[in-house]
N, C-alpha and C. Protein backbone atom coordinates (compact mmCIF):
# COMPACT_ATOMS: atom_id res chain seq x y z
N UNK A 1 15.04 39.71 23.11
CA UNK A 1 14.23 40.51 24.38
C UNK A 1 12.76 40.00 24.60
N UNK A 2 12.41 40.23 23.27
CA UNK A 2 10.98 39.85 23.27
C UNK A 2 10.40 38.01 23.82
N UNK A 3 11.58 37.37 23.16
CA UNK A 3 11.44 35.73 23.73
C UNK A 3 10.95 36.11 25.23
N UNK A 4 11.97 36.53 25.60
CA UNK A 4 12.32 36.95 27.46
C UNK A 4 11.13 37.62 27.79
N UNK A 5 10.24 38.72 27.42
CA UNK A 5 9.66 39.27 27.79
C UNK A 5 7.99 38.78 27.85
N UNK A 6 8.28 37.90 26.59
CA UNK A 6 7.04 36.69 26.79
C UNK A 6 7.26 35.41 27.78
N UNK A 7 8.31 35.09 28.20
CA UNK A 7 8.46 33.85 29.27
C UNK A 7 8.47 34.51 30.12
N UNK A 8 8.32 35.48 30.59
CA UNK A 8 8.27 36.29 31.49
C UNK A 8 6.93 36.53 32.07
N UNK A 9 6.37 36.88 31.14
CA UNK A 9 5.15 36.95 31.40
C UNK A 9 4.19 35.95 31.24
N UNK A 10 4.77 34.62 30.67
CA UNK A 10 4.02 33.56 30.73
C UNK A 10 4.15 32.89 32.34
N UNK A 11 5.52 32.95 32.77
CA UNK A 11 5.70 32.58 34.28
C UNK A 11 4.48 33.17 35.32
N UNK A 12 4.65 34.69 34.56
CA UNK A 12 3.67 35.64 35.66
C UNK A 12 2.61 35.09 35.71
N UNK A 13 1.86 34.82 34.40
CA UNK A 13 0.25 34.73 34.48
C UNK A 13 -0.10 32.80 35.17
N UNK A 14 1.28 31.59 34.35
CA UNK A 14 1.06 30.53 35.16
C UNK A 14 0.87 30.60 36.53
N UNK A 15 1.61 31.56 37.37
CA UNK A 15 1.90 31.59 38.62
C UNK A 15 0.61 31.93 39.27
N UNK A 16 0.15 33.04 38.88
CA UNK A 16 -1.08 33.46 38.95
C UNK A 16 -1.89 32.82 39.17
N UNK A 17 -2.45 32.10 37.81
CA UNK A 17 -3.70 30.99 37.62
C UNK A 17 -3.42 29.92 38.95
N UNK A 18 -2.19 29.57 39.27
CA UNK A 18 -1.71 28.33 40.53
C UNK A 18 -2.30 28.66 41.81
N UNK A 19 -2.07 30.27 41.85
CA UNK A 19 -2.13 30.59 43.18
C UNK A 19 -3.84 30.97 43.33
N UNK A 20 -4.19 31.41 41.90
CA UNK A 20 -5.84 31.32 42.65
C UNK A 20 -6.71 29.86 42.85
N UNK A 21 -5.64 29.08 42.24
CA UNK A 21 -6.98 27.76 41.96
C UNK A 21 -5.96 26.84 42.72
N UNK A 22 -4.92 27.12 43.87
CA UNK A 22 -4.78 26.15 44.91
C UNK A 22 -5.69 25.99 45.95
N UNK A 23 -6.03 25.10 46.46
CA UNK A 23 -7.34 24.57 47.15
C UNK A 23 -5.94 23.98 48.76
N UNK A 24 -6.61 24.90 49.64
CA UNK A 24 -5.89 24.47 50.80
C UNK A 24 -6.82 23.71 51.86
N UNK A 25 -6.30 22.27 52.31
CA UNK A 25 -6.91 21.62 52.82
C UNK A 25 -6.83 22.30 54.44
N UNK A 26 -8.01 22.32 54.99
CA UNK A 26 -8.31 22.70 56.19
C UNK A 26 -7.41 21.58 57.62
N UNK A 27 -7.47 20.45 57.25
CA UNK A 27 -6.49 19.49 58.58
C UNK A 27 -6.04 18.57 57.42
N UNK A 28 -4.65 17.56 57.90
CA UNK A 28 -4.52 16.79 57.32
C UNK A 28 -4.96 15.19 57.02
N UNK A 29 -5.84 15.12 57.72
CA UNK A 29 -6.87 14.17 57.74
C UNK A 29 -8.05 14.10 57.91
N UNK A 30 -8.93 12.96 57.42
CA UNK A 30 -10.45 13.22 57.82
C UNK A 30 -11.19 12.22 58.54
N UNK A 31 -11.73 11.68 59.04
CA UNK A 31 -12.74 11.05 59.71
C UNK A 31 -13.63 10.26 58.88
N UNK A 32 -14.17 11.14 57.97
CA UNK A 32 -14.55 10.00 56.65
C UNK A 32 -14.81 10.61 55.45
N UNK A 33 -14.89 9.97 54.32
CA UNK A 33 -14.65 10.30 52.72
C UNK A 33 -15.23 11.56 52.69
N UNK A 34 -14.98 12.06 51.65
CA UNK A 34 -15.83 13.29 51.25
C UNK A 34 -16.91 12.68 50.90
N UNK A 35 -17.24 11.52 49.90
CA UNK A 35 -18.15 11.66 49.65
C UNK A 35 -19.13 10.77 50.57
N UNK A 36 -18.94 10.53 51.57
CA UNK A 36 -19.69 10.48 52.86
C UNK A 36 -20.76 11.84 52.97
N UNK A 37 -19.88 12.79 52.78
CA UNK A 37 -20.76 13.88 53.06
C UNK A 37 -21.57 14.22 52.28
N UNK A 38 -22.04 13.20 51.09
CA UNK A 38 -22.96 13.26 50.16
C UNK A 38 -24.45 12.41 50.50
N UNK A 39 -24.14 11.84 51.71
CA UNK A 39 -25.60 10.80 52.06
C UNK A 39 -26.32 11.62 52.68
N UNK A 40 -27.98 10.85 52.45
CA UNK A 40 -28.89 11.13 51.99
C UNK A 40 -28.96 12.52 51.33
N UNK A 41 -28.36 13.20 50.59
CA UNK A 41 -28.73 14.57 50.01
C UNK A 41 -29.99 14.36 49.37
N UNK A 42 -30.64 15.32 49.78
CA UNK A 42 -31.93 15.53 49.38
C UNK A 42 -31.88 15.98 47.61
N UNK A 43 -31.13 16.88 47.88
CA UNK A 43 -31.21 17.79 46.72
C UNK A 43 -30.00 18.53 46.36
N UNK A 44 -29.44 19.82 45.33
CA UNK A 44 -28.71 20.80 45.67
C UNK A 44 -29.62 21.80 44.99
N UNK A 45 -29.05 23.22 45.28
CA UNK A 45 -29.35 24.46 45.25
C UNK A 45 -27.83 24.50 44.32
N UNK A 46 -27.88 25.11 42.74
CA UNK A 46 -26.85 24.68 41.28
C UNK A 46 -26.12 26.36 41.68
N UNK A 47 -25.20 26.91 41.71
CA UNK A 47 -24.62 27.91 40.86
C UNK A 47 -23.13 28.03 40.53
N UNK A 48 -23.58 28.72 39.42
CA UNK A 48 -23.01 28.75 38.56
C UNK A 48 -22.09 30.51 38.46
N UNK A 49 -20.36 30.43 38.70
CA UNK A 49 -19.75 31.79 38.52
C UNK A 49 -18.97 31.58 37.71
N UNK A 50 -18.53 32.64 37.34
CA UNK A 50 -17.27 33.78 36.42
C UNK A 50 -17.25 33.24 35.10
N UNK A 51 -18.33 32.70 34.56
CA UNK A 51 -18.67 32.85 33.08
C UNK A 51 -18.88 34.37 32.92
N UNK A 52 -17.59 34.85 31.73
CA UNK A 52 -17.43 36.07 31.63
C UNK A 52 -17.30 36.23 29.95
N UNK A 53 -16.83 37.22 29.41
CA UNK A 53 -17.11 37.64 28.30
C UNK A 53 -15.71 36.68 27.45
N UNK A 54 -14.93 36.42 27.67
CA UNK A 54 -13.59 35.52 27.66
C UNK A 54 -14.53 34.17 26.98
N UNK A 55 -15.82 33.27 27.99
CA UNK A 55 -16.41 32.54 27.83
C UNK A 55 -17.66 32.84 26.62
N UNK A 56 -18.17 33.84 27.04
CA UNK A 56 -19.20 34.44 25.93
C UNK A 56 -18.52 34.34 24.28
N UNK A 57 -17.35 35.19 24.20
CA UNK A 57 -16.59 34.64 23.12
C UNK A 57 -16.05 33.24 22.56
N UNK A 58 -15.53 32.90 22.71
CA UNK A 58 -15.92 31.37 22.68
C UNK A 58 -16.94 31.00 22.81
N UNK A 59 -17.95 30.98 22.64
CA UNK A 59 -19.27 30.34 22.34
C UNK A 59 -20.10 29.49 24.14
N UNK A 60 -19.72 29.77 24.96
CA UNK A 60 -19.96 29.34 26.56
C UNK A 60 -21.52 30.08 26.98
N UNK A 61 -21.75 29.77 27.10
CA UNK A 61 -23.14 30.84 27.73
C UNK A 61 -22.90 29.66 29.31
N UNK A 62 -23.80 30.46 30.42
CA UNK A 62 -24.12 30.47 31.56
C UNK A 62 -25.58 29.42 31.06
N UNK A 63 -26.21 29.59 30.72
CA UNK A 63 -27.69 29.07 30.28
C UNK A 63 -27.18 27.71 29.82
N UNK A 64 -26.62 27.85 29.10
CA UNK A 64 -26.34 26.80 28.42
C UNK A 64 -25.07 25.40 28.95
N UNK A 65 -24.52 26.40 29.93
CA UNK A 65 -24.45 25.15 30.67
C UNK A 65 -25.18 24.99 32.06
N UNK A 66 -25.27 25.92 32.18
CA UNK A 66 -26.83 25.14 33.55
C UNK A 66 -27.46 24.18 33.03
N UNK A 67 -28.17 24.44 32.06
CA UNK A 67 -29.04 23.24 30.98
C UNK A 67 -28.44 21.98 31.36
N UNK A 68 -27.08 22.19 30.57
CA UNK A 68 -26.09 20.64 30.34
C UNK A 68 -26.44 20.28 31.86
N UNK A 69 -26.03 21.03 32.74
CA UNK A 69 -25.73 20.47 33.79
C UNK A 69 -26.73 20.05 34.98
N UNK A 70 -27.71 20.83 34.72
CA UNK A 70 -29.27 20.17 35.26
C UNK A 70 -29.59 19.10 34.83
N UNK A 71 -29.12 18.52 33.44
CA UNK A 71 -29.83 17.39 32.65
C UNK A 71 -28.80 16.20 33.67
N UNK A 72 -27.86 16.67 33.28
CA UNK A 72 -27.06 15.32 34.01
C UNK A 72 -27.61 15.23 35.93
N UNK A 73 -27.65 15.80 36.27
CA UNK A 73 -27.88 15.87 37.94
C UNK A 73 -29.03 14.71 37.99
N UNK A 74 -30.31 15.58 36.99
CA UNK A 74 -31.29 14.89 37.36
C UNK A 74 -31.34 13.48 36.78
N UNK A 75 -30.61 13.39 35.78
CA UNK A 75 -30.57 12.10 35.43
C UNK A 75 -29.88 11.11 36.20
N UNK A 76 -29.34 11.45 37.35
CA UNK A 76 -28.89 10.50 38.01
C UNK A 76 -29.75 10.75 39.86
N UNK A 77 -30.64 11.24 39.80
CA UNK A 77 -31.61 11.23 40.77
C UNK A 77 -31.60 12.25 41.84
N UNK A 78 -30.57 13.50 41.51
CA UNK A 78 -30.22 14.32 42.04
C UNK A 78 -31.12 15.94 41.79
N UNK A 79 -32.20 15.87 42.94
CA UNK A 79 -33.03 16.93 42.52
C UNK A 79 -31.82 18.04 42.50
N UNK A 80 -32.76 19.05 42.09
CA UNK A 80 -32.09 20.74 41.98
C UNK A 80 -33.89 21.73 42.39
N UNK A 81 -33.09 22.16 43.89
CA UNK A 81 -34.14 22.80 44.18
C UNK A 81 -34.08 24.54 43.24
N UNK A 82 -35.11 24.82 43.05
CA UNK A 82 -35.80 26.49 42.81
C UNK A 82 -34.84 27.43 43.85
N UNK A 83 -34.96 28.76 43.09
CA UNK A 83 -33.51 29.25 44.19
C UNK A 83 -34.47 29.48 45.51
N UNK A 84 -35.48 29.47 45.58
CA UNK A 84 -36.43 30.00 46.83
C UNK A 84 -36.59 29.03 47.89
N UNK A 85 -36.21 27.54 47.29
CA UNK A 85 -36.73 26.56 47.92
C UNK A 85 -35.44 26.66 49.09
N UNK A 86 -34.30 26.27 48.14
CA UNK A 86 -33.22 26.17 48.89
C UNK A 86 -32.76 27.35 49.67
N UNK A 87 -33.63 28.35 49.99
CA UNK A 87 -32.83 28.91 51.14
C UNK A 87 -34.09 28.72 51.94
N UNK A 88 -34.98 28.35 51.89
CA UNK A 88 -36.24 28.24 52.84
C UNK A 88 -35.94 26.56 53.69
N UNK A 89 -35.15 25.92 52.81
CA UNK A 89 -34.73 24.60 53.56
C UNK A 89 -33.33 24.30 54.32
N UNK A 90 -32.95 24.35 55.93
CA UNK A 90 -31.90 24.86 55.99
C UNK A 90 -30.78 24.07 55.55
N UNK A 91 -31.01 23.05 55.59
CA UNK A 91 -30.17 22.03 55.00
C UNK A 91 -29.55 21.99 53.66
N UNK A 92 -30.16 22.72 52.83
CA UNK A 92 -30.05 22.76 51.35
C UNK A 92 -28.74 22.83 50.78
N UNK A 93 -27.76 21.92 50.53
CA UNK A 93 -26.61 22.69 50.43
C UNK A 93 -26.13 23.30 48.58
N UNK A 94 -25.88 23.84 48.15
CA UNK A 94 -25.23 24.60 47.14
C UNK A 94 -24.01 23.99 46.31
N UNK A 95 -24.48 23.24 45.01
CA UNK A 95 -23.21 23.20 44.36
C UNK A 95 -22.47 23.94 43.57
N UNK A 96 -21.48 24.64 43.73
CA UNK A 96 -20.83 25.73 43.30
C UNK A 96 -20.23 25.18 42.22
N UNK A 97 -20.10 25.66 40.85
CA UNK A 97 -19.08 25.74 39.94
C UNK A 97 -18.60 27.17 39.33
N UNK A 98 -17.20 26.92 39.52
CA UNK A 98 -16.29 28.25 38.97
C UNK A 98 -15.71 28.22 38.16
N UNK A 99 -15.88 28.88 37.33
CA UNK A 99 -14.84 28.84 35.77
C UNK A 99 -14.20 30.24 35.74
N UNK A 100 -12.82 29.76 35.44
CA UNK A 100 -12.18 31.02 35.41
C UNK A 100 -11.46 31.01 34.14
N UNK A 101 -11.08 32.07 33.63
CA UNK A 101 -10.30 32.12 32.15
C UNK A 101 -9.36 33.22 32.21
N UNK A 102 -8.01 33.03 31.63
CA UNK A 102 -7.57 34.17 31.71
C UNK A 102 -6.58 33.85 29.86
N UNK A 103 -6.74 35.08 29.33
CA UNK A 103 -5.80 35.32 27.94
C UNK A 103 -4.74 35.34 28.05
N UNK A 104 -3.82 34.89 27.77
CA UNK A 104 -2.07 34.67 27.92
C UNK A 104 -2.30 35.05 25.97
N UNK A 105 -0.49 35.38 26.14
CA UNK A 105 -0.33 35.47 24.63
C UNK A 105 -0.26 34.47 24.16
N UNK A 106 0.07 34.42 22.47
CA UNK A 106 -0.61 33.79 21.25
C UNK A 106 -1.60 32.75 21.24
N UNK A 107 -2.55 34.08 21.44
CA UNK A 107 -4.08 32.95 21.80
C UNK A 107 -4.42 31.91 22.53
N UNK A 108 -3.34 31.60 23.47
CA UNK A 108 -3.52 30.50 24.79
C UNK A 108 -4.21 31.01 25.61
N UNK A 109 -5.41 30.89 26.25
CA UNK A 109 -6.16 30.77 26.91
C UNK A 109 -5.65 29.78 28.45
N UNK A 110 -5.54 30.51 29.68
CA UNK A 110 -5.32 29.44 30.82
C UNK A 110 -7.24 29.39 31.65
N UNK A 111 -7.37 28.29 32.46
CA UNK A 111 -8.57 28.13 32.37
C UNK A 111 -8.62 27.45 33.67
N UNK A 112 -9.46 27.45 34.39
CA UNK A 112 -9.68 26.46 36.14
C UNK A 112 -11.24 26.25 35.96
N UNK A 113 -11.16 24.81 36.50
CA UNK A 113 -12.67 24.62 37.06
C UNK A 113 -12.65 23.95 38.03
N UNK A 114 -13.65 24.84 39.51
CA UNK A 114 -14.02 24.34 40.69
C UNK A 114 -15.55 24.12 41.42
N UNK A 115 -15.40 22.53 41.16
CA UNK A 115 -17.41 22.16 41.90
C UNK A 115 -16.80 21.57 43.01
N UNK A 116 -17.52 22.39 43.51
CA UNK A 116 -17.62 22.30 45.15
C UNK A 116 -18.94 22.18 46.04
N UNK A 117 -19.42 21.20 46.44
CA UNK A 117 -20.43 20.98 47.26
C UNK A 117 -20.28 21.67 49.10
N UNK A 118 -20.95 22.76 48.48
CA UNK A 118 -20.77 23.54 49.96
C UNK A 118 -22.17 23.28 50.92
N UNK A 119 -22.21 23.37 52.07
CA UNK A 119 -22.90 22.70 52.99
C UNK A 119 -22.82 22.89 54.73
N UNK A 120 -23.81 23.14 55.64
CA UNK A 120 -23.56 23.34 56.86
C UNK A 120 -22.98 22.43 57.53
N UNK A 121 -21.87 22.62 58.17
CA UNK A 121 -21.34 20.99 59.06
C UNK A 121 -20.84 21.95 60.50
N UNK A 122 -20.96 21.13 61.67
CA UNK A 122 -20.52 21.64 62.55
C UNK A 122 -18.94 21.36 63.31
N UNK A 123 -18.77 21.72 64.05
CA UNK A 123 -17.18 21.80 64.23
C UNK A 123 -16.93 20.28 65.21
N UNK A 124 -15.95 19.42 65.35
CA UNK A 124 -15.78 18.09 65.68
C UNK A 124 -15.46 18.65 67.31
N UNK A 125 -15.40 19.44 67.75
CA UNK A 125 -14.37 19.63 69.05
C UNK A 125 -15.90 20.61 69.81
N UNK A 126 -16.53 21.07 69.18
CA UNK A 126 -18.21 21.86 69.68
C UNK A 126 -18.94 21.57 68.64
N UNK A 127 -20.25 21.10 68.83
CA UNK A 127 -21.12 20.78 68.28
C UNK A 127 -22.15 22.03 67.60
N UNK A 128 -21.42 23.30 68.84
CA UNK A 128 -22.54 24.11 68.96
C UNK A 128 -22.08 25.00 68.06
N UNK A 129 -20.48 25.31 67.47
CA UNK A 129 -20.29 25.98 66.32
C UNK A 129 -20.29 25.05 64.57
N UNK A 130 -21.21 25.73 64.18
CA UNK A 130 -21.67 25.44 62.80
C UNK A 130 -21.64 26.73 61.80
N UNK A 131 -20.70 25.86 60.46
CA UNK A 131 -19.71 26.65 59.47
C UNK A 131 -20.61 26.07 58.26
N UNK A 132 -20.51 27.33 57.52
CA UNK A 132 -20.88 26.90 55.93
C UNK A 132 -19.70 26.15 54.98
N UNK A 133 -19.52 25.46 54.41
CA UNK A 133 -18.13 24.54 54.20
C UNK A 133 -18.38 23.99 52.77
N UNK A 134 -16.71 23.71 51.68
CA UNK A 134 -17.16 22.63 51.15
C UNK A 134 -16.91 21.48 51.61
N UNK A 135 -17.70 20.35 51.49
CA UNK A 135 -17.09 18.85 51.89
C UNK A 135 -16.62 17.85 50.66
N UNK A 136 -17.29 18.33 49.72
CA UNK A 136 -16.40 17.32 48.46
C UNK A 136 -16.07 18.71 47.21
N UNK A 137 -15.34 18.03 46.68
CA UNK A 137 -14.64 19.23 45.86
C UNK A 137 -14.00 18.51 44.47
N UNK A 138 -13.35 19.05 43.33
CA UNK A 138 -12.42 18.85 42.31
C UNK A 138 -12.73 20.11 41.68
N UNK A 139 -10.99 19.58 41.29
CA UNK A 139 -10.40 21.13 40.59
C UNK A 139 -10.09 20.25 39.08
N UNK A 140 -10.07 21.36 37.98
CA UNK A 140 -9.64 21.15 36.74
C UNK A 140 -9.16 22.48 35.99
N UNK A 141 -7.38 22.25 35.76
CA UNK A 141 -7.21 23.48 35.50
C UNK A 141 -6.01 22.97 34.13
N UNK A 142 -5.75 24.07 32.92
CA UNK A 142 -5.28 23.89 32.05
C UNK A 142 -4.85 25.47 31.03
N UNK A 143 -4.52 24.60 29.59
CA UNK A 143 -3.60 25.95 29.09
C UNK A 143 -4.18 25.55 27.57
N UNK A 144 -5.30 26.23 26.51
CA UNK A 144 -5.60 25.37 25.28
C UNK A 144 -6.00 26.97 24.69
N UNK A 145 -5.74 26.79 23.37
CA UNK A 145 -6.25 27.15 22.40
C UNK A 145 -7.37 28.29 22.32
N UNK A 146 -8.09 29.16 21.80
CA UNK A 146 -9.05 29.77 21.54
C UNK A 146 -9.96 28.62 20.79
N UNK A 147 -9.69 28.00 19.30
CA UNK A 147 -10.47 27.13 18.71
C UNK A 147 -11.26 26.30 19.74
N UNK A 148 -10.20 25.56 20.66
CA UNK A 148 -10.74 24.71 21.53
C UNK A 148 -11.42 24.99 22.64
N UNK A 149 -11.28 26.01 23.43
CA UNK A 149 -11.57 26.95 24.93
C UNK A 149 -13.69 26.01 24.86
N UNK A 150 -14.29 25.82 24.11
CA UNK A 150 -15.48 26.00 24.07
C UNK A 150 -15.45 24.64 24.57
N UNK A 151 -14.94 23.64 24.17
CA UNK A 151 -15.24 22.25 23.68
C UNK A 151 -14.08 21.59 25.47
N UNK A 152 -13.38 22.03 25.49
CA UNK A 152 -12.53 21.50 26.24
C UNK A 152 -12.79 22.28 27.83
N UNK A 153 -13.39 23.22 28.52
CA UNK A 153 -14.41 23.93 29.25
C UNK A 153 -15.38 23.20 29.66
N UNK A 154 -16.32 23.16 28.49
CA UNK A 154 -17.66 22.90 28.66
C UNK A 154 -17.29 21.25 29.11
N UNK A 155 -16.36 20.15 28.20
CA UNK A 155 -16.22 18.88 28.73
C UNK A 155 -15.29 18.79 30.05
N UNK A 156 -14.91 19.81 30.27
CA UNK A 156 -14.19 19.67 31.82
C UNK A 156 -15.34 20.07 32.90
N UNK A 157 -16.29 20.78 32.49
CA UNK A 157 -17.32 21.53 33.86
C UNK A 157 -18.37 20.04 33.53
N UNK A 158 -18.51 19.62 32.60
CA UNK A 158 -19.24 18.24 32.65
C UNK A 158 -18.59 16.80 33.31
N UNK A 159 -17.52 17.48 33.03
CA UNK A 159 -16.82 16.17 34.08
C UNK A 159 -16.76 16.06 35.21
N UNK A 160 -16.62 17.27 35.97
CA UNK A 160 -16.37 17.45 37.11
C UNK A 160 -17.94 16.72 37.60
N UNK A 161 -19.08 17.22 37.32
CA UNK A 161 -20.38 17.28 37.42
C UNK A 161 -20.42 15.74 37.46
N UNK A 162 -19.96 14.66 36.42
CA UNK A 162 -20.43 13.44 36.47
C UNK A 162 -19.49 12.56 37.18
N UNK A 163 -18.69 13.73 38.04
CA UNK A 163 -17.51 12.73 39.44
C UNK A 163 -18.24 12.70 40.35
N UNK A 164 -18.81 14.69 40.49
CA UNK A 164 -20.16 14.44 41.99
C UNK A 164 -21.11 13.38 41.40
N UNK A 165 -21.46 13.68 40.62
CA UNK A 165 -22.75 12.00 40.45
C UNK A 165 -22.39 10.56 40.76
N UNK A 166 -20.93 10.33 40.36
CA UNK A 166 -20.67 9.10 40.56
C UNK A 166 -20.49 9.10 42.45
N UNK A 167 -19.79 10.16 43.17
CA UNK A 167 -19.66 10.64 44.07
C UNK A 167 -21.41 9.92 44.97
N UNK A 168 -21.80 10.45 44.33
CA UNK A 168 -23.58 10.71 44.99
C UNK A 168 -24.27 9.00 44.85
N UNK A 169 -24.07 8.73 43.45
CA UNK A 169 -24.17 7.50 43.49
C UNK A 169 -23.84 6.13 44.46
N UNK A 170 -22.65 6.37 44.80
CA UNK A 170 -21.73 5.42 45.48
C UNK A 170 -22.15 5.51 46.57
N UNK A 171 -22.63 6.60 47.49
CA UNK A 171 -23.05 6.71 48.95
C UNK A 171 -24.46 6.63 49.07
N UNK A 172 -25.39 6.34 47.97
CA UNK A 172 -26.96 6.63 48.09
C UNK A 172 -27.11 5.85 47.45
N UNK A 173 -26.57 4.66 46.34
CA UNK A 173 -26.76 3.84 46.25
C UNK A 173 -28.62 3.69 45.15
N UNK A 174 -28.83 4.61 44.57
CA UNK A 174 -29.62 5.03 43.95
C UNK A 174 -29.68 4.33 42.17
N UNK A 175 -30.52 4.29 41.43
CA UNK A 175 -30.46 3.49 40.25
C UNK A 175 -30.63 5.31 39.38
N UNK A 176 -29.59 5.28 38.40
CA UNK A 176 -29.83 6.22 37.61
C UNK A 176 -31.42 6.57 37.13
N UNK A 177 -32.01 7.46 36.16
CA UNK A 177 -33.05 7.98 35.84
C UNK A 177 -33.13 6.94 34.56
N UNK A 178 -34.02 6.54 34.14
CA UNK A 178 -33.56 5.87 32.70
C UNK A 178 -34.94 5.95 31.43
N UNK A 179 -34.96 7.69 31.16
CA UNK A 179 -36.19 8.00 30.85
C UNK A 179 -37.24 7.22 30.15
N UNK A 180 -37.10 6.51 28.75
CA UNK A 180 -37.59 6.15 27.70
C UNK A 180 -37.10 4.72 27.75
N UNK A 181 -37.38 3.88 28.70
CA UNK A 181 -37.13 2.48 28.76
C UNK A 181 -37.98 1.57 29.54
């Protein structure tokens, strides 16, 4: 009975995690690649959400992640707007990084990491319609034990930022910043 209950609970938790992490496409095709939306990007405003007590207990803090993410972005020539500047510049996009975790039975944790660049875009059929929408994104999700949560999530976040960096460099042809050479 206990194993059956554990199995049902695990299926429910996995289903819930999958439901919240699904990324529904707006259209079935694109005129440009998501990387093209990064061309000419002057910088980003960085927003990190979802870091809660589960992460803090595992030794992951928002400040620690933010510092590591900022270093990766700056090393690739991507400027990070201070909070006030991003709100002043009309075209300043936001790099949203959302990290979620849910404790499951047997000391397991379900986690998801979503990284999106959101910026103002106009609708193809009517250029006067302008909306704020993600133009580039990547998702990671998995299951891990408590001892691995800190390293797995930290590496997942930094890997998603590295994917963003590669996409940015692909369309902007900038060289990585080499500080002491």
